[in-house]
């Protein structure tokens, strides 16, 4: 820029007129609809969370039942193997099975 003085003239202020709301206008209905929509969304999320919790609880119960059944089967299999090893001391066929499959009973 030059070393000349720059003068700035202020413009006249502009006045903006805001229209007054129409008679009888109320923010009640828009706000009410917004709140109802939030309640519906949160209610749906709560319902889905409750359903998921119920499903997870059922799965845990089913898993516990499976574990109990597997422990029962494991105990029966252990008793069968113990009986077969005890029988192998007297019976050559049982001894052949024990030797063939490498059955060992740990105390």
PDB file of N, CA and C in Angstrom:
ATOM      1  N   UNK A   1       0.820  -1.160   0.000  1.00  0.00           N
ATOM      2  CA  UNK A   1       0.000   0.000   0.000  1.00  0.00           C
ATOM      3  C   UNK A   1       0.877   1.240   0.000  1.00  0.00           C
ATOM      4  N   UNK A   2       0.236   2.283  -0.377  1.00  0.00           N
ATOM      5  CA  UNK A   2       0.931   3.574  -0.361  1.00  0.00           C
ATOM      6  C   UNK A   2       0.918   4.143   1.040  1.00  0.00           C
ATOM      7  N   UNK A   3       1.736   5.145   1.181  1.00  0.00           N
ATOM      8  CA  UNK A   3       1.764   5.826   2.467  1.00  0.00           C
ATOM      9  C   UNK A   3       0.645   6.844   2.577  1.00  0.00           C
ATOM     10  N   UNK A   4      -0.294   6.776   1.693  1.00  0.00           N
ATOM     11  CA  UNK A   4      -1.397   7.730   1.713  1.00  0.00           C
ATOM     12  C   UNK A   4      -2.398   7.337   2.793  1.00  0.00           C
ATOM     13  N   UNK A   5      -3.096   8.339   3.276  1.00  0.00           N
ATOM     14  CA  UNK A   5      -4.122   8.063   4.284  1.00  0.00           C
ATOM     15  C   UNK A   5      -5.325   7.421   3.595  1.00  0.00           C
ATOM     16  N   UNK A   6      -5.769   6.382   4.231  1.00  0.00           N
ATOM     17  CA  UNK A   6      -6.959   5.702   3.726  1.00  0.00           C
ATOM     18  C   UNK A   6      -8.104   6.053   4.652  1.00  0.00           C
ATOM     19  N   UNK A   7      -9.103   6.600   4.095  1.00  0.00           N
ATOM     20  CA  UNK A   7     -10.240   6.957   4.932  1.00  0.00           C
ATOM     21  C   UNK A   7     -11.357   5.956   4.700  1.00  0.00           C
ATOM     22  N   UNK A   8     -11.954   5.592   5.766  1.00  0.00           N
ATOM     23  CA  UNK A   8     -13.043   4.620   5.715  1.00  0.00           C
ATOM     24  C   UNK A   8     -14.291   5.321   6.203  1.00  0.00           C
ATOM     25  N   UNK A   9     -15.284   5.214   5.423  1.00  0.00           N
ATOM     26  CA  UNK A   9     -16.546   5.794   5.829  1.00  0.00           C
ATOM     27  C   UNK A   9     -17.462   4.676   6.311  1.00  0.00           C
ATOM     28  N   UNK A  10     -18.062   4.913   7.429  1.00  0.00           N
ATOM     29  CA  UNK A  10     -18.968   3.915   7.978  1.00  0.00           C
ATOM     30  C   UNK A  10     -20.263   3.949   7.201  1.00  0.00           C
ATOM     31  N   UNK A  11     -20.721   2.782   6.896  1.00  0.00           N
ATOM     32  CA  UNK A  11     -21.996   2.691   6.191  1.00  0.00           C
ATOM     33  C   UNK A  11     -23.122   2.895   7.188  1.00  0.00           C
ATOM     34  N   UNK A  12     -24.230   3.265   6.675  1.00  0.00           N
ATOM     35  CA  UNK A  12     -25.369   3.444   7.549  1.00  0.00           C
ATOM     36  C   UNK A  12     -25.787   2.080   8.102  1.00  0.00           C
ATOM     37  N   UNK A  13     -26.146   2.005   9.372  1.00  0.00           N
ATOM     38  CA  UNK A  13     -26.560   0.724   9.939  1.00  0.00           C
ATOM     39  C   UNK A  13     -27.828   0.221   9.262  1.00  0.00           C
ATOM     40  N   UNK A  14     -27.840  -1.062   9.040  1.00  0.00           N
ATOM     41  CA  UNK A  14     -28.981  -1.699   8.403  1.00  0.00           C
ATOM     42  C   UNK A  14     -29.849  -2.273   9.511  1.00  0.00           C
ATOM     43  N   UNK A  15     -31.078  -1.994   9.463  1.00  0.00           N
ATOM     44  CA  UNK A  15     -31.979  -2.527  10.465  1.00  0.00           C
ATOM     45  C   UNK A  15     -32.742  -3.688   9.859  1.00  0.00           C
ATOM     46  N   UNK A  16     -32.711  -4.805  10.600  1.00  0.00           N
ATOM     47  CA  UNK A  16     -33.396  -6.007  10.149  1.00  0.00           C
ATOM     48  C   UNK A  16     -34.634  -6.175  11.009  1.00  0.00           C
ATOM     49  N   UNK A  17     -35.707  -6.369  10.360  1.00  0.00           N
ATOM     50  CA  UNK A  17     -36.937  -6.573  11.105  1.00  0.00           C
ATOM     51  C   UNK A  17     -37.273  -8.060  11.094  1.00  0.00           C
ATOM     52  N   UNK A  18     -37.494  -8.589  12.281  1.00  0.00           N
ATOM     53  CA  UNK A  18     -37.864  -9.992  12.421  1.00  0.00           C
ATOM     54  C   UNK A  18     -39.368 -10.045  12.543  1.00  0.00           C
ATOM     55  N   UNK A  19     -39.935 -10.883  11.731  1.00  0.00           N
ATOM     56  CA  UNK A  19     -41.393 -10.991  11.742  1.00  0.00           C
ATOM     57  C   UNK A  19     -41.832 -11.653  13.033  1.00  0.00           C
ATOM     58  N   UNK A  20     -42.813 -11.148  13.636  1.00  0.00           N
ATOM     59  CA  UNK A  20     -43.348 -11.730  14.862  1.00  0.00           C
ATOM     60  C   UNK A  20     -44.061 -13.028  14.508  1.00  0.00           C
ATOM     61  N   UNK A  21     -44.012 -14.005  15.401  1.00  0.00           N
ATOM     62  CA  UNK A  21     -44.706 -15.253  15.116  1.00  0.00           C
ATOM     63  C   UNK A  21     -46.189 -15.007  14.917  1.00  0.00           C
ATOM     64  N   UNK A  22     -46.745 -15.841  14.083  1.00  0.00           N
ATOM     65  CA  UNK A  22     -48.173 -15.706  13.794  1.00  0.00           C
ATOM     66  C   UNK A  22     -48.969 -15.899  15.074  1.00  0.00           C
ATOM     67  N   UNK A  23     -50.067 -15.294  15.126  1.00  0.00           N
ATOM     68  CA  UNK A  23     -50.904 -15.410  16.314  1.00  0.00           C
ATOM     69  C   UNK A  23     -51.306 -16.863  16.507  1.00  0.00           C
ATOM     70  N   UNK A  24     -51.174 -17.362  17.740  1.00  0.00           N
ATOM     71  CA  UNK A  24     -51.565 -18.733  18.035  1.00  0.00           C
ATOM     72  C   UNK A  24     -50.460 -19.747  17.772  1.00  0.00           C
ATOM     73  N   UNK A  25     -49.304 -19.329  17.314  1.00  0.00           N
ATOM     74  CA  UNK A  25     -48.206 -20.272  17.072  1.00  0.00           C
ATOM     75  C   UNK A  25     -47.608 -20.675  18.407  1.00  0.00           C
ATOM     76  N   UNK A  26     -47.354 -21.954  18.556  1.00  0.00           N
ATOM     77  CA  UNK A  26     -46.761 -22.451  19.794  1.00  0.00           C
ATOM     78  C   UNK A  26     -45.735 -23.522  19.441  1.00  0.00           C
ATOM     79  N   UNK A  27     -44.694 -23.596  20.231  1.00  0.00           N
ATOM     80  CA  UNK A  27     -43.660 -24.616  20.013  1.00  0.00           C
ATOM     81  C   UNK A  27     -44.025 -25.924  20.697  1.00  0.00           C
ATOM     82  N   UNK A  28     -45.206 -26.003  21.259  1.00  0.00           N
ATOM     83  CA  UNK A  28     -45.610 -27.193  22.000  1.00  0.00           C
ATOM     84  C   UNK A  28     -45.590 -28.451  21.133  1.00  0.00           C
ATOM     85  N   UNK A  29     -46.230 -28.437  19.968  1.00  0.00           N
ATOM     86  CA  UNK A  29     -46.339 -29.642  19.139  1.00  0.00           C
ATOM     87  C   UNK A  29     -44.999 -30.102  18.583  1.00  0.00           C
ATOM     88  N   UNK A  30     -44.154 -29.235  18.048  1.00  0.00           N
ATOM     89  CA  UNK A  30     -42.856 -29.727  17.576  1.00  0.00           C
ATOM     90  C   UNK A  30     -42.016 -30.331  18.704  1.00  0.00           C
ATOM     91  N   UNK A  31     -41.999 -29.691  19.848  1.00  0.00           N
ATOM     92  CA  UNK A  31     -41.227 -30.214  20.976  1.00  0.00           C
ATOM     93  C   UNK A  31     -41.831 -31.522  21.462  1.00  0.00           C
ATOM     94  N   UNK A  32     -43.134 -31.606  21.503  1.00  0.00           N
ATOM     95  CA  UNK A  32     -43.802 -32.837  21.931  1.00  0.00           C
ATOM     96  C   UNK A  32     -43.481 -33.985  20.980  1.00  0.00           C
ATOM     97  N   UNK A  33     -43.539 -33.719  19.697  1.00  0.00           N
ATOM     98  CA  UNK A  33     -43.213 -34.773  18.722  1.00  0.00           C
ATOM     99  C   UNK A  33     -41.758 -35.213  18.841  1.00  0.00           C
ATOM    100  N   UNK A  34     -40.883 -34.280  19.080  1.00  0.00           N
ATOM    101  CA  UNK A  34     -39.465 -34.612  19.259  1.00  0.00           C
ATOM    102  C   UNK A  34     -39.271 -35.490  20.491  1.00  0.00           C
ATOM    103  N   UNK A  35     -39.900 -35.139  21.583  1.00  0.00           N
ATOM    104  CA  UNK A  35     -39.783 -35.935  22.806  1.00  0.00           C
ATOM    105  C   UNK A  35     -40.397 -37.326  22.631  1.00  0.00           C
ATOM    106  N   UNK A  36     -41.516 -37.408  21.951  1.00  0.00           N
ATOM    107  CA  UNK A  36     -42.145 -38.710  21.717  1.00  0.00           C
ATOM    108  C   UNK A  36     -41.237 -39.587  20.856  1.00  0.00           C
ATOM    109  N   UNK A  37     -40.607 -39.002  19.858  1.00  0.00           N
ATOM    110  CA  UNK A  37     -39.709 -39.797  19.007  1.00  0.00           C
ATOM    111  C   UNK A  37     -38.508 -40.293  19.814  1.00  0.00           C
ATOM    112  N   UNK A  38     -37.966 -39.451  20.702  1.00  0.00           N
ATOM    113  CA  UNK A  38     -36.861 -39.901  21.559  1.00  0.00           C
ATOM    114  C   UNK A  38     -37.315 -41.030  22.485  1.00  0.00           C
ATOM    115  N   UNK A  39     -38.501 -40.887  23.034  1.00  0.00           N
ATOM    116  CA  UNK A  39     -39.013 -41.938  23.910  1.00  0.00           C
ATOM    117  C   UNK A  39     -39.200 -43.252  23.161  1.00  0.00           C
ATOM    118  N   UNK A  40     -39.684 -43.183  21.937  1.00  0.00           N
ATOM    119  CA  UNK A  40     -39.848 -44.399  21.136  1.00  0.00           C
ATOM    120  C   UNK A  40     -38.507 -45.052  20.837  1.00  0.00           C
ATOM    121  N   UNK A  41     -37.537 -44.255  20.480  1.00  0.00           N
ATOM    122  CA  UNK A  41     -36.210 -44.799  20.170  1.00  0.00           C
ATOM    123  C   UNK A  41     -35.590 -45.440  21.405  1.00  0.00           C
ATOM    124  N   UNK A  42     -35.618 -44.722  22.533  1.00  0.00           N
ATOM    125  CA  UNK A  42     -35.036 -45.277  23.752  1.00  0.00           C
ATOM    126  C   UNK A  42     -35.811 -46.482  24.247  1.00  0.00           C
ATOM    127  N   UNK A  43     -37.124 -46.472  24.079  1.00  0.00           N
ATOM    128  CA  UNK A  43     -37.927 -47.628  24.461  1.00  0.00           C
ATOM    129  C   UNK A  43     -37.585 -48.848  23.631  1.00  0.00           C
ATOM    130  N   UNK A  44     -37.391 -48.648  22.325  1.00  0.00           N
ATOM    131  CA  UNK A  44     -37.025 -49.771  21.450  1.00  0.00           C
ATOM    132  C   UNK A  44     -35.651 -50.317  21.829  1.00  0.00           C
ATOM    133  N   UNK A  45     -34.724 -49.444  22.148  1.00  0.00           N
ATOM    134  CA  UNK A  45     -33.399 -49.904  22.554  1.00  0.00           C
ATOM    135  C   UNK A  45     -33.456 -50.662  23.874  1.00  0.00           C
ATOM    136  N   UNK A  46     -34.261 -50.186  24.806  1.00  0.00           N
ATOM    137  CA  UNK A  46     -34.417 -50.879  26.084  1.00  0.00           C
ATOM    138  C   UNK A  46     -35.034 -52.252  25.872  1.00  0.00           C
ATOM    139  N   UNK A  47     -36.047 -52.331  25.019  1.00  0.00           N
ATOM    140  CA  UNK A  47     -36.681 -53.614  24.736  1.00  0.00           C
ATOM    141  C   UNK A  47     -35.681 -54.594  24.115  1.00  0.00           C
ATOM    142  N   UNK A  48     -34.873 -54.128  23.169  1.00  0.00           N
ATOM    143  CA  UNK A  48     -33.872 -55.003  22.545  1.00  0.00           C
ATOM    144  C   UNK A  48     -32.833 -55.457  23.563  1.00  0.00           C
ATOM    145  N   UNK A  49     -32.443 -54.577  24.473  1.00  0.00           N
ATOM    146  CA  UNK A  49     -31.473 -54.947  25.501  1.00  0.00           C
ATOM    147  C   UNK A  49     -32.043 -56.012  26.422  1.00  0.00           C
ATOM    148  N   UNK A  50     -33.303 -55.876  26.791  1.00  0.00           N
ATOM    149  CA  UNK A  50     -33.942 -56.878  27.648  1.00  0.00           C
ATOM    150  C   UNK A  50     -34.032 -58.218  26.925  1.00  0.00           C
ATOM    151  N   UNK A  51     -34.365 -58.190  25.632  1.00  0.00           N
ATOM    152  CA  UNK A  51     -34.428 -59.434  24.855  1.00  0.00           C
ATOM    153  C   UNK A  51     -33.060 -60.105  24.778  1.00  0.00           C
ATOM    154  N   UNK A  52     -32.007 -59.327  24.557  1.00  0.00           N
ATOM    155  CA  UNK A  52     -30.656 -59.876  24.486  1.00  0.00           C
ATOM    156  C   UNK A  52     -30.247 -60.468  25.829  1.00  0.00           C
ATOM    157  N   UNK A  53     -30.605 -59.800  26.903  1.00  0.00           N
ATOM    158  CA  UNK A  53     -30.269 -60.318  28.233  1.00  0.00           C
ATOM    159  C   UNK A  53     -30.956 -61.663  28.471  1.00  0.00           C
ATOM    160  N   UNK A  54     -32.215 -61.760  28.086  1.00  0.00           N
ATOM    161  CA  UNK A  54     -32.934 -63.024  28.234  1.00  0.00           C
ATOM    162  C   UNK A  54     -32.310 -64.134  27.406  1.00  0.00           C
ATOM    163  N   UNK A  55     -31.909 -63.809  26.182  1.00  0.00           N
ATOM    164  CA  UNK A  55     -31.290 -64.813  25.312  1.00  0.00           C
ATOM    165  C   UNK A  55     -29.954 -65.275  25.890  1.00  0.00           C
ATOM    166  N   UNK A  56     -29.187 -64.345  26.410  1.00  0.00           N
ATOM    167  CA  UNK A  56     -27.896 -64.713  26.996  1.00  0.00           C
ATOM    168  C   UNK A  56     -28.088 -65.567  28.243  1.00  0.00           C
ATOM    169  N   UNK A  57     -29.088 -65.261  29.043  1.00  0.00           N
ATOM    170  CA  UNK A  57     -29.372 -66.053  30.235  1.00  0.00           C
ATOM    171  C   UNK A  57     -29.750 -67.479  29.845  1.00  0.00           C
ATOM    172  N   UNK A  58     -30.576 -67.623  28.817  1.00  0.00           N
ATOM    173  CA  UNK A  58     -30.949 -68.964  28.344  1.00  0.00           C
ATOM    174  C   UNK A  58     -29.735 -69.725  27.833  1.00  0.00           C
ATOM    175  N   UNK A  59     -28.846 -69.051  27.122  1.00  0.00           N
ATOM    176  CA  UNK A  59     -27.649 -69.718  26.622  1.00  0.00           C
ATOM    177  C   UNK A  59     -26.751 -70.181  27.757  1.00  0.00           C
ATOM    178  N   UNK A  60     -26.645 -69.383  28.802  1.00  0.00           N
ATOM    179  CA  UNK A  60     -25.824 -69.778  29.951  1.00  0.00           C
ATOM    180  C   UNK A  60     -26.423 -71.003  30.622  1.00  0.00           C
ATOM    181  N   UNK A  61     -27.744 -71.040  30.771  1.00  0.00           N
ATOM    182  CA  UNK A  61     -28.397 -72.203  31.363  1.00  0.00           C
ATOM    183  C   UNK A  61     -28.195 -73.442  30.497  1.00  0.00           C
ATOM    184  N   UNK A  62     -28.315 -73.291  29.181  1.00  0.00           N
ATOM    185  CA  UNK A  62     -28.112 -74.432  28.283  1.00  0.00           C
ATOM    186  C   UNK A  62     -26.666 -74.911  28.341  1.00  0.00           C
ATOM    187  N   UNK A  63     -25.733 -73.969  28.444  1.00  0.00           N
ATOM    188  CA  UNK A  63     -24.326 -74.350  28.535  1.00  0.00           C
ATOM    189  C   UNK A  63     -24.075 -75.137  29.807  1.00  0.00           C
ATOM    190  N   UNK A  64     -24.680 -74.707  30.919  1.00  0.00           N
ATOM    191  CA  UNK A  64     -24.512 -75.424  32.182  1.00  0.00           C
ATOM    192  C   UNK A  64     -25.064 -76.842  32.084  1.00  0.00           C
ATOM    193  N   UNK A  65     -26.192 -77.002  31.397  1.00  0.00           N
ATOM    194  CA  UNK A  65     -26.766 -78.335  31.215  1.00  0.00           C
ATOM    195  C   UNK A  65     -25.832 -79.220  30.394  1.00  0.00           C
ATOM    196  N   UNK A  66     -25.233 -78.659  29.363  1.00  0.00           N
ATOM    197  CA  UNK A  66     -24.312 -79.426  28.518  1.00  0.00           C
ATOM    198  C   UNK A  66     -23.086 -79.827  29.320  1.00  0.00           C
ATOM    199  N   UNK A  67     -22.576 -78.930  30.153  1.00  0.00           N
ATOM    200  CA  UNK A  67     -21.403 -79.237  30.976  1.00  0.00           C
ATOM    201  C   UNK A  67     -21.727 -80.362  31.946  1.00  0.00           C
ATOM    202  N   UNK A  68     -22.899 -80.319  32.562  1.00  0.00           N
ATOM    203  CA  UNK A  68     -23.285 -81.377  33.495  1.00  0.00           C
ATOM    204  C   UNK A  68     -23.405 -82.724  32.782  1.00  0.00           C
ATOM    205  N   UNK A  69     -24.006 -82.720  31.593  1.00  0.00           N
ATOM    206  CA  UNK A  69     -24.125 -83.972  30.835  1.00  0.00           C
ATOM    207  C   UNK A  69     -22.756 -84.504  30.426  1.00  0.00           C
ATOM    208  N   UNK A  70     -21.869 -83.609  30.020  1.00  0.00           N
ATOM    209  CA  UNK A  70     -20.538 -84.066  29.604  1.00  0.00           C
ATOM    210  C   UNK A  70     -19.752 -84.619  30.790  1.00  0.00           C
ATOM    211  N   UNK A  71     -19.926 -84.017  31.977  1.00  0.00           N
ATOM    212  CA  UNK A  71     -19.257 -84.545  33.164  1.00  0.00           C
ATOM    213  C   UNK A  71     -19.810 -85.926  33.519  1.00  0.00           C
ATOM    214  N   UNK A  72     -21.110 -86.099  33.343  1.00  0.00           N
ATOM    215  CA  UNK A  72     -21.720 -87.409  33.605  1.00  0.00           C
ATOM    216  C   UNK A  72     -21.170 -88.458  32.637  1.00  0.00           C
ATOM    217  N   UNK A  73     -21.113 -88.111  31.362  1.00  0.00           N
ATOM    218  CA  UNK A  73     -20.592 -89.040  30.355  1.00  0.00           C
ATOM    219  C   UNK A  73     -19.116 -89.342  30.628  1.00  0.00           C
ATOM    220  N   UNK A  74     -18.362 -88.318  31.011  1.00  0.00           N
ATOM    221  CA  UNK A  74     -16.947 -88.513  31.309  1.00  0.00           C
ATOM    222  C   UNK A  74     -16.775 -89.464  32.501  1.00  0.00           C
ATOM    223  N   UNK A  75     -17.611 -89.329  33.516  1.00  0.00           N
ATOM    224  CA  UNK A  75     -17.538 -90.233  34.673  1.00  0.00           C
ATOM    225  C   UNK A  75     -17.862 -91.662  34.284  1.00  0.00           C
ATOM    226  N   UNK A  76     -18.905 -91.831  33.445  1.00  0.00           N
ATOM    227  CA  UNK A  76     -19.269 -93.175  32.990  1.00  0.00           C
ATOM    228  C   UNK A  76     -18.153 -93.796  32.154  1.00  0.00           C
ATOM    229  N   UNK A  77     -17.537 -92.973  31.299  1.00  0.00           N
ATOM    230  CA  UNK A  77     -16.434 -93.481  30.481  1.00  0.00           C
ATOM    231  C   UNK A  77     -15.246 -93.868  31.348  1.00  0.00           C
ATOM    232  N   UNK A  78     -14.986 -93.109  32.381  1.00  0.00           N
ATOM    233  CA  UNK A  78     -13.869 -93.432  33.282  1.00  0.00           C
ATOM    234  C   UNK A  78     -14.143 -94.750  34.005  1.00  0.00           C
ATOM    235  N   UNK A  79     -15.385 -94.934  34.472  1.00  0.00           N
ATOM    236  CA  UNK A  79     -15.734 -96.198  35.138  1.00  0.00           C
ATOM    237  C   UNK A  79     -15.617 -97.377  34.171  1.00  0.00           C
ATOM    238  N   UNK A  80     -16.012 -97.159  32.914  1.00  0.00           N
ATOM    239  CA  UNK A  80     -15.894 -98.218  31.911  1.00  0.00           C
ATOM    240  C   UNK A  80     -14.436 -98.577  31.668  1.00  0.00           C
ATOM    241  N   UNK A  81     -13.594 -97.562  31.567  1.00  0.00           N
ATOM    242  CA  UNK A  81     -12.171 -97.820  31.339  1.00  0.00           C
ATOM    243  C   UNK A  81     -11.546 -98.520  32.537  1.00  0.00           C
ATOM    244  N   UNK A  82     -11.937 -98.104  33.751  1.00  0.00           N
ATOM    245  CA  UNK A  82     -11.409 -98.766  34.952  1.00  0.00           C
ATOM    246  C   UNK A  82     -11.837-100.231  34.988  1.00  0.00           C
ATOM    247  N   UNK A  83     -13.091-100.481  34.630  1.00  0.00           N
ATOM    248  CA  UNK A  83     -13.575-101.861  34.599  1.00  0.00           C
ATOM    249  C   UNK A  83     -12.852-102.682  33.550  1.00  0.00           C
ATOM    250  N   UNK A  84     -12.579-102.068  32.394  1.00  0.00           N
ATOM    251  CA  UNK A  84     -11.876-102.789  31.334  1.00  0.00           C
ATOM    252  C   UNK A  84     -10.437-103.100  31.751  1.00  0.00           C
ATOM    253  N   UNK A  85      -9.774-102.168  32.411  1.00  0.00           N
ATOM    254  CA  UNK A  85      -8.395-102.406  32.868  1.00  0.00           C
ATOM    255  C   UNK A  85      -8.392-103.491  33.941  1.00  0.00           C
ATOM    256  N   UNK A  86      -9.378-103.467  34.834  1.00  0.00           N
ATOM    257  CA  UNK A  86      -9.470-104.512  35.862  1.00  0.00           C
ATOM    258  C   UNK A  86      -9.747-105.867  35.222  1.00  0.00           C
ATOM    259  N   UNK A  87     -10.586-105.894  34.198  1.00  0.00           N
ATOM    260  CA  UNK A  87     -10.896-107.141  33.506  1.00  0.00           C
ATOM    261  C   UNK A  87      -9.688-107.640  32.710  1.00  0.00           C
ATOM    262  N   UNK A  88      -8.856-106.719  32.241  1.00  0.00           N
ATOM    263  CA  UNK A  88      -7.683-107.097  31.433  1.00  0.00           C
ATOM    264  C   UNK A  88      -6.702-107.935  32.237  1.00  0.00           C
ATOM    265  N   UNK A  89      -6.763-107.857  33.566  1.00  0.00           N
ATOM    266  CA  UNK A  89      -5.870-108.674  34.402  1.00  0.00           C
ATOM    267  C   UNK A  89      -6.252-110.146  34.337  1.00  0.00           C
ATOM    268  N   UNK A  90      -7.530-110.441  34.007  1.00  0.00           N
ATOM    269  CA  UNK A  90      -8.003-111.827  33.969  1.00  0.00           C
ATOM    270  C   UNK A  90      -8.342-112.315  32.576  1.00  0.00           C
ATOM    271  N   UNK A  91      -8.691-111.418  31.687  1.00  0.00           N
ATOM    272  CA  UNK A  91      -9.208-111.806  30.373  1.00  0.00           C
ATOM    273  C   UNK A  91      -8.224-111.374  29.282  1.00  0.00           C
ATOM    274  N   UNK A  92      -7.776-112.297  28.441  1.00  0.00           N
ATOM    275  CA  UNK A  92      -6.823-111.940  27.390  1.00  0.00           C
ATOM    276  C   UNK A  92      -7.426-111.019  26.318  1.00  0.00           C
ATOM    277  N   UNK A  93      -8.721-111.169  26.031  1.00  0.00           N
ATOM    278  CA  UNK A  93      -9.349-110.286  25.033  1.00  0.00           C
ATOM    279  C   UNK A  93      -9.398-108.838  25.541  1.00  0.00           C
ATOM    280  N   UNK A  94      -9.720-108.670  26.819  1.00  0.00           N
ATOM    281  CA  UNK A  94      -9.738-107.328  27.398  1.00  0.00           C
ATOM    282  C   UNK A  94      -8.326-106.762  27.420  1.00  0.00           C
ATOM    283  N   UNK A  95      -7.328-107.631  27.710  1.00  0.00           N
ATOM    284  CA  UNK A  95      -5.941-107.168  27.707  1.00  0.00           C
ATOM    285  C   UNK A  95      -5.529-106.740  26.307  1.00  0.00           C
ATOM    286  N   UNK A  96      -6.013-107.439  25.282  1.00  0.00           N
ATOM    287  CA  UNK A  96      -5.695-107.065  23.904  1.00  0.00           C
ATOM    288  C   UNK A  96      -6.288-105.683  23.572  1.00  0.00           C
ATOM    289  N   UNK A  97      -7.504-105.426  24.018  1.00  0.00           N
ATOM    290  CA  UNK A  97      -8.119-104.117  23.788  1.00  0.00           C
ATOM    291  C   UNK A  97      -7.348-103.003  24.510  1.00  0.00           C
ATOM    292  N   UNK A  98      -6.973-103.272  25.756  1.00  0.00           N
ATOM    293  CA  UNK A  98      -6.238-102.268  26.534  1.00  0.00           C
ATOM    294  C   UNK A  98      -4.902-101.976  25.866  1.00  0.00           C
ATOM    295  N   UNK A  99      -4.222-103.013  25.412  1.00  0.00           N
ATOM    296  CA  UNK A  99      -2.927-102.825  24.745  1.00  0.00           C
ATOM    297  C   UNK A  99      -3.086-102.149  23.387  1.00  0.00           C
ATOM    298  N   UNK A 100      -4.116-102.539  22.635  1.00  0.00           N
ATOM    299  CA  UNK A 100      -4.316-101.995  21.291  1.00  0.00           C
ATOM    300  C   UNK A 100      -4.592-100.484  21.341  1.00  0.00           C
ATOM    301  N   UNK A 101      -5.441-100.056  22.259  1.00  0.00           N
ATOM    302  CA  UNK A 101      -5.839 -98.626  22.314  1.00  0.00           C
ATOM    303  C   UNK A 101      -5.057 -97.837  23.360  1.00  0.00           C
ATOM    304  N   UNK A 102      -4.164 -98.510  24.080  1.00  0.00           N
ATOM    305  CA  UNK A 102      -3.326 -97.807  25.053  1.00  0.00           C
ATOM    306  C   UNK A 102      -4.124 -97.200  26.194  1.00  0.00           C
ATOM    307  N   UNK A 103      -5.087 -97.951  26.686  1.00  0.00           N
ATOM    308  CA  UNK A 103      -5.937 -97.438  27.768  1.00  0.00           C
ATOM    309  C   UNK A 103      -5.178 -97.494  29.071  1.00  0.00           C
ATOM    310  N   UNK A 104      -5.088 -96.335  29.738  1.00  0.00           N
ATOM    311  CA  UNK A 104      -4.423 -96.236  31.025  1.00  0.00           C
ATOM    312  C   UNK A 104      -5.361 -95.467  31.947  1.00  0.00           C
ATOM    313  N   UNK A 105      -5.559 -95.995  33.134  1.00  0.00           N
ATOM    314  CA  UNK A 105      -6.425 -95.327  34.094  1.00  0.00           C
ATOM    315  C   UNK A 105      -5.536 -94.684  35.154  1.00  0.00           C
ATOM    316  N   UNK A 106      -5.687 -93.380  35.271  1.00  0.00           N
ATOM    317  CA  UNK A 106      -4.907 -92.660  36.285  1.00  0.00           C
ATOM    318  C   UNK A 106      -5.741 -92.541  37.553  1.00  0.00           C
ATOM    319  N   UNK A 107      -5.113 -92.768  38.696  1.00  0.00           N
ATOM    320  CA  UNK A 107      -5.874 -92.695  39.954  1.00  0.00           C
ATOM    321  C   UNK A 107      -6.288 -91.268  40.298  1.00  0.00           C
TER     322      UNK A 107
END
